[in-house]
Amino acid sequence: MGVLKRIGNLFAKPEPPKKEKSMLALMPGDICEVSLVTYEVTGRVHNRGRNAVVLTLQDGNTIMYLHIEERETLQYALYSPLDGRLDNPSEVPTELDLDDRTFYLEEEYEGHVLVNGKTPFLQGGEQHVWQYQSDDYRLVRIEWQNGRFMLYEGEKVLTGDVKVIRANHA
């Protein structure tokens, strides 16, 4: 290496650190790990008004849903689909009894969502959400959009148990 090149390297600016990839930015085709299980992101529902996304995750035949919301910190909840039926959004109760466990309504909101990839709802639009929690910290989430309900059961996930493996879009 020449002397001039060495001198030039002394005054060269260091490369900026690579921006850490955010779970909020993941898109279909990306790979993440949740609680030591590796998933492919196959769908994404984004609620800009709440700075939140629900990622559809697939590991083989298993489909899970990761709710990510940025408040003071990133908060995560992992859900599986729940069999059940509701007929009318105005009749969603404030308490749910499922499998000898009572869930209490914690939060109810609505907002416009954008949809990418494979999700329970085929297109974006106004979505209404009810989030419940039991005394032993289990979660239930109910979504209503375009005349259709989806029900999920899950639990909170620690931030350290969630990481981006490969993000093509972030």
Protein backbone atom coordinates (compact mmCIF):
# COMPACT_ATOMS: atom_id res chain seq x y z
CA MET A 1 0.00 0.00 0.00
CA GLY A 2 1.40 3.38 -0.97
CA VAL A 3 2.27 6.09 1.52
CA LEU A 4 -0.33 8.48 0.08
CA LYS A 5 -3.08 5.88 0.40
CA ARG A 6 -2.13 5.25 4.03
CA ILE A 7 -2.22 8.96 4.79
CA GLY A 8 -5.58 9.23 3.00
CA ASN A 9 -6.96 6.40 5.15
CA LEU A 10 -5.95 8.29 8.31
CA PHE A 11 -8.18 11.21 7.35
CA ALA A 12 -11.03 9.21 5.79
CA LYS A 13 -14.37 9.37 7.51
CA PRO A 14 -15.37 6.10 9.15
CA GLU A 15 -18.34 4.29 7.64
CA PRO A 16 -21.55 5.24 9.39
CA PRO A 17 -22.95 2.48 11.59
CA LYS A 18 -25.57 0.36 9.88
CA LYS A 19 -29.08 1.29 10.92
CA GLU A 20 -30.60 -1.45 13.06
CA LYS A 21 -33.50 -3.10 11.30
CA SER A 22 -36.81 -2.53 13.07
CA MET A 23 -39.51 -5.15 13.54
CA LEU A 24 -42.03 -2.41 12.67
CA ALA A 25 -40.56 -2.18 9.16
CA LEU A 26 -40.72 -5.88 8.27
CA MET A 27 -42.57 -6.81 5.08
CA PRO A 28 -43.67 -10.07 3.43
CA GLY A 29 -40.61 -12.15 2.54
CA ASP A 30 -38.56 -11.04 5.56
CA ILE A 31 -37.46 -13.47 8.30
CA CYS A 32 -37.68 -12.94 12.06
CA GLU A 33 -37.33 -14.92 15.25
CA VAL A 34 -39.87 -14.87 18.07
CA SER A 35 -39.22 -16.85 21.26
CA LEU A 36 -36.55 -18.98 19.52
CA VAL A 37 -38.83 -19.90 16.58
CA THR A 38 -37.89 -18.64 13.11
CA TYR A 39 -40.77 -17.34 10.99
CA GLU A 40 -41.24 -15.97 7.51
CA VAL A 41 -43.32 -12.80 7.37
CA THR A 42 -46.15 -13.52 4.92
CA GLY A 43 -48.42 -10.55 5.63
CA ARG A 44 -48.54 -7.13 7.25
CA VAL A 45 -51.36 -4.94 8.53
CA HIS A 46 -50.19 -1.42 9.38
CA ASN A 47 -52.13 1.08 11.50
CA ARG A 48 -50.23 4.36 11.04
CA GLY A 49 -52.39 6.23 13.53
CA ARG A 50 -51.12 3.98 16.34
CA ASN A 51 -47.66 3.26 14.91
CA ALA A 52 -48.53 -0.42 15.08
CA VAL A 53 -48.38 -3.46 12.81
CA VAL A 54 -49.67 -7.01 12.94
CA LEU A 55 -47.37 -9.39 11.08
CA THR A 56 -48.65 -12.69 9.75
CA LEU A 57 -45.88 -15.19 10.53
CA GLN A 58 -45.49 -18.68 9.10
CA ASP A 59 -43.31 -21.57 10.25
CA GLY A 60 -44.16 -24.60 8.12
CA ASN A 61 -47.93 -25.05 8.49
CA THR A 62 -48.13 -22.96 11.66
CA ILE A 63 -49.49 -19.42 11.28
CA MET A 64 -49.10 -16.91 14.09
CA TYR A 65 -49.71 -13.17 14.39
CA LEU A 66 -47.25 -10.75 16.00
CA HIS A 67 -48.70 -7.44 17.17
CA ILE A 68 -46.03 -4.75 17.46
CA GLU A 69 -46.78 -1.28 18.78
CA GLU A 70 -44.35 1.52 19.45
CA ARG A 71 -45.23 3.52 22.53
CA GLU A 72 -42.45 4.56 24.92
CA THR A 73 -40.84 1.29 23.88
CA LEU A 74 -41.70 -1.42 21.37
CA GLN A 75 -44.34 -3.77 22.77
CA TYR A 76 -44.92 -7.26 21.37
CA ALA A 77 -47.71 -9.80 21.64
CA LEU A 78 -47.83 -13.16 19.83
CA TYR A 79 -51.26 -14.53 18.91
CA SER A 80 -52.73 -17.67 17.40
CA PRO A 81 -56.13 -17.73 15.69
CA LEU A 82 -59.05 -18.53 17.98
CA ASP A 83 -62.20 -20.33 16.87
CA GLY A 84 -65.27 -18.36 17.75
CA ARG A 85 -68.02 -16.26 16.32
CA LEU A 86 -69.48 -12.84 16.87
CA ASP A 87 -72.39 -11.41 14.90
CA ASN A 88 -72.39 -7.69 15.46
CA PRO A 89 -69.63 -5.23 16.45
CA SER A 90 -72.05 -3.37 18.72
CA GLU A 91 -72.48 -6.55 20.79
CA VAL A 92 -68.79 -7.15 21.62
CA PRO A 93 -68.75 -7.62 25.42
CA THR A 94 -66.48 -5.93 27.97
CA GLU A 95 -65.75 -9.34 29.56
CA LEU A 96 -65.12 -12.66 27.82
CA ASP A 97 -65.12 -16.11 29.43
CA LEU A 98 -62.94 -18.61 27.55
CA ASP A 99 -61.70 -21.95 28.91
CA ASP A 100 -62.41 -21.11 32.56
CA ARG A 101 -60.55 -17.80 32.21
CA THR A 102 -62.10 -14.32 32.27
CA PHE A 103 -60.70 -11.66 29.95
CA TYR A 104 -61.35 -7.98 30.62
CA LEU A 105 -61.50 -5.28 27.95
CA GLU A 106 -58.31 -3.23 28.19
CA GLU A 107 -58.54 -1.16 25.05
CA GLU A 108 -60.90 -0.51 22.15
CA TYR A 109 -59.92 1.55 19.12
CA GLU A 110 -60.40 1.93 15.40
CA GLY A 111 -58.26 3.23 12.59
CA HIS A 112 -57.35 2.97 8.96
CA VAL A 113 -55.07 0.04 8.11
CA LEU A 114 -52.89 -0.75 5.10
CA VAL A 115 -52.52 -4.41 4.08
CA ASN A 116 -49.59 -6.21 2.38
CA GLY A 117 -49.36 -9.91 1.60
CA LYS A 118 -51.41 -12.71 3.15
CA THR A 119 -53.54 -11.43 6.02
CA PRO A 120 -56.95 -12.33 7.44
CA PHE A 121 -58.36 -9.26 5.67
CA LEU A 122 -57.77 -8.98 1.94
CA GLN A 123 -57.76 -5.20 1.71
CA GLY A 124 -57.09 -2.16 3.83
CA GLY A 125 -59.73 0.10 5.30
CA GLU A 126 -61.28 0.98 8.63
CA GLN A 127 -60.61 -1.64 11.30
CA HIS A 128 -62.09 -1.86 14.79
CA VAL A 129 -60.05 -3.62 17.50
CA TRP A 130 -60.83 -4.85 21.02
CA GLN A 131 -57.91 -5.99 23.21
CA TYR A 132 -58.50 -8.02 26.38
CA GLN A 133 -56.30 -9.31 29.19
CA SER A 134 -56.92 -11.91 31.89
CA ASP A 135 -55.68 -11.80 35.48
CA ASP A 136 -52.88 -14.23 34.53
CA TYR A 137 -51.76 -11.95 31.64
CA ARG A 138 -53.18 -14.00 28.76
CA LEU A 139 -54.47 -11.87 25.87
CA VAL A 140 -57.41 -11.93 23.49
CA ARG A 141 -57.67 -9.68 20.44
CA ILE A 142 -60.79 -9.18 18.33
CA GLU A 143 -60.65 -7.43 14.96
CA TRP A 144 -63.60 -6.37 12.83
CA GLN A 145 -63.27 -5.12 9.28
CA ASN A 146 -65.53 -5.18 6.22
CA GLY A 147 -68.23 -7.15 8.07
CA ARG A 148 -65.84 -9.89 9.22
CA PHE A 149 -64.49 -10.79 12.68
CA MET A 150 -61.16 -12.38 13.56
CA LEU A 151 -60.39 -13.63 17.08
CA TYR A 152 -56.93 -14.34 18.49
CA GLU A 153 -55.51 -15.62 21.77
CA GLY A 154 -51.97 -14.98 22.89
CA GLU A 155 -49.48 -13.50 25.30
CA LYS A 156 -46.98 -10.68 25.58
CA VAL A 157 -43.45 -11.34 24.34
CA LEU A 158 -40.33 -9.82 25.87
CA THR A 159 -38.33 -7.48 23.64
CA GLY A 160 -35.25 -9.70 23.98
CA ASP A 161 -37.20 -12.65 22.54
CA VAL A 162 -37.84 -10.89 19.20
CA LYS A 163 -35.26 -10.18 16.51
CA VAL A 164 -34.90 -9.56 12.81
CA ILE A 165 -33.03 -12.33 10.98
CA ARG A 166 -33.24 -10.99 7.41
CA ALA A 167 -35.02 -7.88 6.21
CA ASN A 168 -34.98 -7.12 2.52
CA HIS A 169 -37.10 -4.01 2.93
CA ALA A 170 -36.02 -2.48 6.25
